[in-house]
Structure formats: structure tokens, C-alpha cells
Amino acid sequence: MKKVIINCATGEETIVDLTAEELAQHEADVATSEQERTAIENAKTEKENLKASAKAKLIAGEALTEEEANVMIGG
């Protein structure tokens, strides 16, 4: 993988290879980003499932759990 170094004084661009440390950090950052994206998607799915469960219980006249009630009122 390469990186571009720009000299602010001259505007000259130099393309160099990433060091082993930079490459390792990049890979760690990508893995963290993927984990965060997965966590966000899982949280959205969980909220959608709670809303669906709460709606089904309301239609059936059943009591909601506190968590379902909170998600229904936006809490």
C-alpha cells in the first residue's frame, strides 16, 4: 500500500510505501470500523425487532415489556 506525502511549501508530491507499522495500524483501523459498523447494524435490527414485537403485543392486547414500551415511545 502506498501513501502520498505533500510538501506544503513546494506542493511537490512524493509517493512512498507504508511502513510495516503504518500498514498494521491501517489494518487494525479497518477491522475496528467493520466491528463498529456491525454493532450499529445489530443495534438497528434489535430496535426494529423490539418495535415489531411491541406492535404485535399491542394488537393482541398483551402487556409490553419495559424495553418494548421504551422503544415505542422513542426512549
PDB file of N, CA and C in Angstrom:
ATOM      1  N   MET A   1       0.844  -1.160   0.000  1.00  0.00           N
ATOM      2  CA  MET A   1       0.000   0.000   0.000  1.00  0.00           C
ATOM      3  C   MET A   1       0.899   1.234   0.000  1.00  0.00           C
ATOM      4  N   LYS A   2       0.413   2.268  -0.643  1.00  0.00           N
ATOM      5  CA  LYS A   2       1.204   3.489  -0.802  1.00  0.00           C
ATOM      6  C   LYS A   2       0.542   4.648  -0.061  1.00  0.00           C
ATOM      7  N   LYS A   3       1.315   5.700   0.172  1.00  0.00           N
ATOM      8  CA  LYS A   3       0.791   6.947   0.702  1.00  0.00           C
ATOM      9  C   LYS A   3       1.439   8.091  -0.055  1.00  0.00           C
ATOM     10  N   VAL A   4       0.752   9.223  -0.056  1.00  0.00           N
ATOM     11  CA  VAL A   4       1.248  10.404  -0.737  1.00  0.00           C
ATOM     12  C   VAL A   4       1.686  11.407   0.323  1.00  0.00           C
ATOM     13  N   ILE A   5       2.895  11.916   0.180  1.00  0.00           N
ATOM     14  CA  ILE A   5       3.407  12.967   1.057  1.00  0.00           C
ATOM     15  C   ILE A   5       3.495  14.236   0.221  1.00  0.00           C
ATOM     16  N   ILE A   6       2.844  15.303   0.721  1.00  0.00           N
ATOM     17  CA  ILE A   6       2.831  16.571   0.002  1.00  0.00           C
ATOM     18  C   ILE A   6       3.637  17.593   0.780  1.00  0.00           C
ATOM     19  N   ASN A   7       4.602  18.199   0.115  1.00  0.00           N
ATOM     20  CA  ASN A   7       5.396  19.275   0.705  1.00  0.00           C
ATOM     21  C   ASN A   7       4.563  20.548   0.590  1.00  0.00           C
ATOM     22  N   CYS A   8       4.124  21.082   1.728  1.00  0.00           N
ATOM     23  CA  CYS A   8       3.251  22.264   1.721  1.00  0.00           C
ATOM     24  C   CYS A   8       3.939  23.490   1.133  1.00  0.00           C
ATOM     25  N   ALA A   9       5.233  23.592   1.295  1.00  0.00           N
ATOM     26  CA  ALA A   9       5.953  24.762   0.796  1.00  0.00           C
ATOM     27  C   ALA A   9       6.059  24.746  -0.726  1.00  0.00           C
ATOM     28  N   THR A  10       6.291  23.570  -1.294  1.00  0.00           N
ATOM     29  CA  THR A  10       6.517  23.492  -2.742  1.00  0.00           C
ATOM     30  C   THR A  10       5.351  22.867  -3.506  1.00  0.00           C
ATOM     31  N   GLY A  11       4.478  22.146  -2.793  1.00  0.00           N
ATOM     32  CA  GLY A  11       3.388  21.447  -3.457  1.00  0.00           C
ATOM     33  C   GLY A  11       3.826  20.151  -4.105  1.00  0.00           C
ATOM     34  N   GLU A  12       5.087  19.793  -3.916  1.00  0.00           N
ATOM     35  CA  GLU A  12       5.630  18.573  -4.510  1.00  0.00           C
ATOM     36  C   GLU A  12       5.037  17.351  -3.813  1.00  0.00           C
ATOM     37  N   GLU A  13       4.621  16.376  -4.602  1.00  0.00           N
ATOM     38  CA  GLU A  13       4.064  15.132  -4.093  1.00  0.00           C
ATOM     39  C   GLU A  13       5.074  14.003  -4.227  1.00  0.00           C
ATOM     40  N   THR A  14       5.173  13.188  -3.183  1.00  0.00           N
ATOM     41  CA  THR A  14       6.038  12.018  -3.191  1.00  0.00           C
ATOM     42  C   THR A  14       5.198  10.816  -2.788  1.00  0.00           C
ATOM     43  N   ILE A  15       5.277   9.740  -3.550  1.00  0.00           N
ATOM     44  CA  ILE A  15       4.538   8.516  -3.245  1.00  0.00           C
ATOM     45  C   ILE A  15       5.516   7.507  -2.662  1.00  0.00           C
ATOM     46  N   VAL A  16       5.172   7.003  -1.475  1.00  0.00           N
ATOM     47  CA  VAL A  16       6.044   6.041  -0.796  1.00  0.00           C
ATOM     48  C   VAL A  16       5.211   4.879  -0.276  1.00  0.00           C
ATOM     49  N   ASP A  17       5.874   3.759   0.011  1.00  0.00           N
ATOM     50  CA  ASP A  17       5.213   2.605   0.613  1.00  0.00           C
ATOM     51  C   ASP A  17       4.965   2.875   2.089  1.00  0.00           C
ATOM     52  N   LEU A  18       3.865   2.305   2.616  1.00  0.00           N
ATOM     53  CA  LEU A  18       3.620   2.377   4.048  1.00  0.00           C
ATOM     54  C   LEU A  18       4.651   1.511   4.774  1.00  0.00           C
ATOM     55  N   THR A  19       5.012   1.931   5.963  1.00  0.00           N
ATOM     56  CA  THR A  19       5.893   1.098   6.780  1.00  0.00           C
ATOM     57  C   THR A  19       5.073  -0.063   7.329  1.00  0.00           C
ATOM     58  N   ALA A  20       5.738  -1.045   7.878  1.00  0.00           N
ATOM     59  CA  ALA A  20       5.043  -2.192   8.461  1.00  0.00           C
ATOM     60  C   ALA A  20       4.115  -1.733   9.585  1.00  0.00           C
ATOM     61  N   GLU A  21       4.568  -0.765  10.378  1.00  0.00           N
ATOM     62  CA  GLU A  21       3.756  -0.254  11.481  1.00  0.00           C
ATOM     63  C   GLU A  21       2.513   0.474  10.959  1.00  0.00           C
ATOM     64  N   GLU A  22       2.700   1.277   9.913  1.00  0.00           N
ATOM     65  CA  GLU A  22       1.570   2.003   9.331  1.00  0.00           C
ATOM     66  C   GLU A  22       0.557   1.042   8.719  1.00  0.00           C
ATOM     67  N   LEU A  23       1.056   0.017   8.059  1.00  0.00           N
ATOM     68  CA  LEU A  23       0.177  -0.971   7.455  1.00  0.00           C
ATOM     69  C   LEU A  23      -0.600  -1.731   8.534  1.00  0.00           C
ATOM     70  N   ALA A  24       0.071  -2.110   9.607  1.00  0.00           N
ATOM     71  CA  ALA A  24      -0.597  -2.805  10.711  1.00  0.00           C
ATOM     72  C   ALA A  24      -1.671  -1.911  11.329  1.00  0.00           C
ATOM     73  N   GLN A  25      -1.366  -0.630  11.500  1.00  0.00           N
ATOM     74  CA  GLN A  25      -2.345   0.299  12.068  1.00  0.00           C
ATOM     75  C   GLN A  25      -3.543   0.461  11.133  1.00  0.00           C
ATOM     76  N   HIS A  26      -3.273   0.545   9.840  1.00  0.00           N
ATOM     77  CA  HIS A  26      -4.359   0.656   8.859  1.00  0.00           C
ATOM     78  C   HIS A  26      -5.277  -0.565   8.935  1.00  0.00           C
ATOM     79  N   GLU A  27      -4.693  -1.744   8.989  1.00  0.00           N
ATOM     80  CA  GLU A  27      -5.489  -2.970   9.062  1.00  0.00           C
ATOM     81  C   GLU A  27      -6.296  -3.023  10.349  1.00  0.00           C
ATOM     82  N   ALA A  28      -5.711  -2.569  11.459  1.00  0.00           N
ATOM     83  CA  ALA A  28      -6.429  -2.528  12.737  1.00  0.00           C
ATOM     84  C   ALA A  28      -7.588  -1.534  12.665  1.00  0.00           C
ATOM     85  N   ASP A  29      -7.358  -0.388  12.027  1.00  0.00           N
ATOM     86  CA  ASP A  29      -8.409   0.623  11.878  1.00  0.00           C
ATOM     87  C   ASP A  29      -9.568   0.096  11.034  1.00  0.00           C
ATOM     88  N   VAL A  30      -9.238  -0.614   9.971  1.00  0.00           N
ATOM     89  CA  VAL A  30     -10.276  -1.185   9.112  1.00  0.00           C
ATOM     90  C   VAL A  30     -11.089  -2.220   9.886  1.00  0.00           C
ATOM     91  N   ALA A  31     -10.423  -3.068  10.650  1.00  0.00           N
ATOM     92  CA  ALA A  31     -11.124  -4.084  11.443  1.00  0.00           C
ATOM     93  C   ALA A  31     -12.041  -3.429  12.472  1.00  0.00           C
ATOM     94  N   THR A  32     -11.559  -2.372  13.120  1.00  0.00           N
ATOM     95  CA  THR A  32     -12.371  -1.661  14.101  1.00  0.00           C
ATOM     96  C   THR A  32     -13.585  -1.037  13.438  1.00  0.00           C
ATOM     97  N   SER A  33     -13.390  -0.452  12.273  1.00  0.00           N
ATOM     98  CA  SER A  33     -14.507   0.158  11.544  1.00  0.00           C
ATOM     99  C   SER A  33     -15.564  -0.887  11.185  1.00  0.00           C
ATOM    100  N   GLU A  34     -15.128  -2.045  10.763  1.00  0.00           N
ATOM    101  CA  GLU A  34     -16.056  -3.116  10.414  1.00  0.00           C
ATOM    102  C   GLU A  34     -16.822  -3.591  11.643  1.00  0.00           C
ATOM    103  N   GLN A  35     -16.136  -3.683  12.792  1.00  0.00           N
ATOM    104  CA  GLN A  35     -16.801  -4.090  14.031  1.00  0.00           C
ATOM    105  C   GLN A  35     -17.832  -3.054  14.458  1.00  0.00           C
ATOM    106  N   GLU A  36     -17.478  -1.776  14.337  1.00  0.00           N
ATOM    107  CA  GLU A  36     -18.415  -0.710  14.697  1.00  0.00           C
ATOM    108  C   GLU A  36     -19.624  -0.719  13.770  1.00  0.00           C
ATOM    109  N   ARG A  37     -19.402  -0.923  12.489  1.00  0.00           N
ATOM    110  CA  ARG A  37     -20.497  -0.984  11.519  1.00  0.00           C
ATOM    111  C   ARG A  37     -21.425  -2.150  11.849  1.00  0.00           C
ATOM    112  N   THR A  38     -20.854  -3.295  12.189  1.00  0.00           N
ATOM    113  CA  THR A  38     -21.651  -4.467  12.546  1.00  0.00           C
ATOM    114  C   THR A  38     -22.454  -4.203  13.813  1.00  0.00           C
ATOM    115  N   ALA A  39     -21.847  -3.563  14.799  1.00  0.00           N
ATOM    116  CA  ALA A  39     -22.537  -3.256  16.050  1.00  0.00           C
ATOM    117  C   ALA A  39     -23.712  -2.313  15.804  1.00  0.00           C
ATOM    118  N   ILE A  40     -23.524  -1.329  14.946  1.00  0.00           N
ATOM    119  CA  ILE A  40     -24.601  -0.389  14.621  1.00  0.00           C
ATOM    120  C   ILE A  40     -25.733  -1.116  13.906  1.00  0.00           C
ATOM    121  N   GLU A  41     -25.390  -1.962  12.943  1.00  0.00           N
ATOM    122  CA  GLU A  41     -26.411  -2.719  12.222  1.00  0.00           C
ATOM    123  C   GLU A  41     -27.170  -3.635  13.170  1.00  0.00           C
ATOM    124  N   ASN A  42     -26.471  -4.285  14.099  1.00  0.00           N
ATOM    125  CA  ASN A  42     -27.126  -5.170  15.067  1.00  0.00           C
ATOM    126  C   ASN A  42     -28.064  -4.388  15.981  1.00  0.00           C
ATOM    127  N   ALA A  43     -27.650  -3.200  16.405  1.00  0.00           N
ATOM    128  CA  ALA A  43     -28.492  -2.364  17.268  1.00  0.00           C
ATOM    129  C   ALA A  43     -29.763  -1.942  16.528  1.00  0.00           C
ATOM    130  N   LYS A  44     -29.627  -1.586  15.249  1.00  0.00           N
ATOM    131  CA  LYS A  44     -30.795  -1.198  14.457  1.00  0.00           C
ATOM    132  C   LYS A  44     -31.756  -2.372  14.311  1.00  0.00           C
ATOM    133  N   THR A  45     -31.212  -3.544  14.030  1.00  0.00           N
ATOM    134  CA  THR A  45     -32.041  -4.737  13.876  1.00  0.00           C
ATOM    135  C   THR A  45     -32.758  -5.063  15.172  1.00  0.00           C
ATOM    136  N   GLU A  46     -32.041  -4.959  16.296  1.00  0.00           N
ATOM    137  CA  GLU A  46     -32.652  -5.237  17.598  1.00  0.00           C
ATOM    138  C   GLU A  46     -33.801  -4.271  17.868  1.00  0.00           C
ATOM    139  N   LYS A  47     -33.609  -2.991  17.559  1.00  0.00           N
ATOM    140  CA  LYS A  47     -34.659  -1.994  17.780  1.00  0.00           C
ATOM    141  C   LYS A  47     -35.864  -2.284  16.888  1.00  0.00           C
ATOM    142  N   GLU A  48     -35.619  -2.638  15.624  1.00  0.00           N
ATOM    143  CA  GLU A  48     -36.716  -2.971  14.720  1.00  0.00           C
ATOM    144  C   GLU A  48     -37.483  -4.192  15.231  1.00  0.00           C
ATOM    145  N   ASN A  49     -36.758  -5.190  15.747  1.00  0.00           N
ATOM    146  CA  ASN A  49     -37.408  -6.385  16.287  1.00  0.00           C
ATOM    147  C   ASN A  49     -38.250  -6.054  17.512  1.00  0.00           C
ATOM    148  N   LEU A  50     -37.735  -5.161  18.376  1.00  0.00           N
ATOM    149  CA  LEU A  50     -38.498  -4.750  19.552  1.00  0.00           C
ATOM    150  C   LEU A  50     -39.771  -4.014  19.145  1.00  0.00           C
ATOM    151  N   LYS A  51     -39.663  -3.145  18.148  1.00  0.00           N
ATOM    152  CA  LYS A  51     -40.843  -2.423  17.679  1.00  0.00           C
ATOM    153  C   LYS A  51     -41.886  -3.392  17.128  1.00  0.00           C
ATOM    154  N   ALA A  52     -41.431  -4.365  16.348  1.00  0.00           N
ATOM    155  CA  ALA A  52     -42.353  -5.344  15.773  1.00  0.00           C
ATOM    156  C   ALA A  52     -43.015  -6.173  16.869  1.00  0.00           C
ATOM    157  N   SER A  53     -42.255  -6.564  17.870  1.00  0.00           N
ATOM    158  CA  SER A  53     -42.789  -7.342  18.979  1.00  0.00           C
ATOM    159  C   SER A  53     -43.808  -6.519  19.765  1.00  0.00           C
ATOM    160  N   ALA A  54     -43.471  -5.251  20.019  1.00  0.00           N
ATOM    161  CA  ALA A  54     -44.384  -4.383  20.760  1.00  0.00           C
ATOM    162  C   ALA A  54     -45.683  -4.182  19.981  1.00  0.00           C
ATOM    163  N   LYS A  55     -45.578  -3.974  18.688  1.00  0.00           N
ATOM    164  CA  LYS A  55     -46.766  -3.772  17.864  1.00  0.00           C
ATOM    165  C   LYS A  55     -47.653  -5.014  17.891  1.00  0.00           C
ATOM    166  N   ALA A  56     -47.030  -6.184  17.755  1.00  0.00           N
ATOM    167  CA  ALA A  56     -47.794  -7.433  17.766  1.00  0.00           C
ATOM    168  C   ALA A  56     -48.497  -7.614  19.111  1.00  0.00           C
ATOM    169  N   LYS A  57     -47.817  -7.278  20.199  1.00  0.00           N
ATOM    170  CA  LYS A  57     -48.434  -7.414  21.518  1.00  0.00           C
ATOM    171  C   LYS A  57     -49.577  -6.419  21.700  1.00  0.00           C
ATOM    172  N   LEU A  58     -49.403  -5.193  21.207  1.00  0.00           N
ATOM    173  CA  LEU A  58     -50.476  -4.208  21.305  1.00  0.00           C
ATOM    174  C   LEU A  58     -51.703  -4.668  20.538  1.00  0.00           C
ATOM    175  N   ILE A  59     -51.491  -5.199  19.354  1.00  0.00           N
ATOM    176  CA  ILE A  59     -52.605  -5.678  18.540  1.00  0.00           C
ATOM    177  C   ILE A  59     -53.314  -6.841  19.234  1.00  0.00           C
ATOM    178  N   ALA A  60     -52.532  -7.712  19.885  1.00  0.00           N
ATOM    179  CA  ALA A  60     -53.099  -8.879  20.567  1.00  0.00           C
ATOM    180  C   ALA A  60     -53.623  -8.531  21.961  1.00  0.00           C
ATOM    181  N   GLY A  61     -53.401  -7.303  22.413  1.00  0.00           N
ATOM    182  CA  GLY A  61     -53.871  -6.899  23.740  1.00  0.00           C
ATOM    183  C   GLY A  61     -53.012  -7.431  24.873  1.00  0.00           C
ATOM    184  N   GLU A  62     -51.785  -7.768  24.591  1.00  0.00           N
ATOM    185  CA  GLU A  62     -50.876  -8.290  25.611  1.00  0.00           C
ATOM    186  C   GLU A  62     -50.054  -7.157  26.228  1.00  0.00           C
ATOM    187  N   ALA A  63     -49.526  -7.407  27.416  1.00  0.00           N
ATOM    188  CA  ALA A  63     -48.692  -6.416  28.098  1.00  0.00           C
ATOM    189  C   ALA A  63     -47.318  -6.346  27.444  1.00  0.00           C
ATOM    190  N   LEU A  64     -46.778  -5.133  27.401  1.00  0.00           N
ATOM    191  CA  LEU A  64     -45.441  -4.926  26.848  1.00  0.00           C
ATOM    192  C   LEU A  64     -44.401  -5.021  27.945  1.00  0.00           C
ATOM    193  N   THR A  65     -43.193  -5.416  27.554  1.00  0.00           N
ATOM    194  CA  THR A  65     -42.076  -5.324  28.492  1.00  0.00           C
ATOM    195  C   THR A  65     -41.674  -3.852  28.581  1.00  0.00           C
ATOM    196  N   GLU A  66     -40.907  -3.493  29.582  1.00  0.00           N
ATOM    197  CA  GLU A  66     -40.465  -2.116  29.731  1.00  0.00           C
ATOM    198  C   GLU A  66     -39.638  -1.689  28.519  1.00  0.00           C
ATOM    199  N   GLU A  67     -38.791  -2.594  28.043  1.00  0.00           N
ATOM    200  CA  GLU A  67     -37.951  -2.290  26.886  1.00  0.00           C
ATOM    201  C   GLU A  67     -38.796  -2.036  25.641  1.00  0.00           C
ATOM    202  N   GLU A  68     -39.840  -2.834  25.452  1.00  0.00           N
ATOM    203  CA  GLU A  68     -40.721  -2.630  24.304  1.00  0.00           C
ATOM    204  C   GLU A  68     -41.469  -1.300  24.418  1.00  0.00           C
ATOM    205  N   ALA A  69     -41.925  -0.985  25.614  1.00  0.00           N
ATOM    206  CA  ALA A  69     -42.623   0.292  25.829  1.00  0.00           C
ATOM    207  C   ALA A  69     -41.699   1.449  25.540  1.00  0.00           C
ATOM    208  N   ASN A  70     -40.459   1.363  26.008  1.00  0.00           N
ATOM    209  CA  ASN A  70     -39.490   2.433  25.773  1.00  0.00           C
ATOM    210  C   ASN A  70     -39.229   2.651  24.300  1.00  0.00           C
ATOM    211  N   VAL A  71     -39.105   1.583  23.542  1.00  0.00           N
ATOM    212  CA  VAL A  71     -38.827   1.726  22.121  1.00  0.00           C
ATOM    213  C   VAL A  71     -40.040   2.293  21.376  1.00  0.00           C
ATOM    214  N   MET A  72     -41.228   2.011  21.869  1.00  0.00           N
ATOM    215  CA  MET A  72     -42.436   2.530  21.232  1.00  0.00           C
ATOM    216  C   MET A  72     -42.582   4.035  21.434  1.00  0.00           C
ATOM    217  N   ILE A  73     -42.087   4.554  22.575  1.00  0.00           N
ATOM    218  CA  ILE A  73     -42.230   5.983  22.843  1.00  0.00           C
ATOM    219  C   ILE A  73     -40.947   6.745  22.480  1.00  0.00           C
ATOM    220  N   GLY A  74     -40.017   6.034  21.880  1.00  0.00           N
ATOM    221  CA  GLY A  74     -38.783   6.689  21.417  1.00  0.00           C
ATOM    222  C   GLY A  74     -37.727   6.792  22.483  1.00  0.00           C
ATOM    223  N   GLY A  75     -37.842   6.029  23.534  1.00  0.00           N
ATOM    224  CA  GLY A  75     -36.863   6.093  24.622  1.00  0.00           C
ATOM    225  C   GLY A  75     -35.719   5.162  24.455  1.00  0.00           C
TER     226      GLY A  75
END
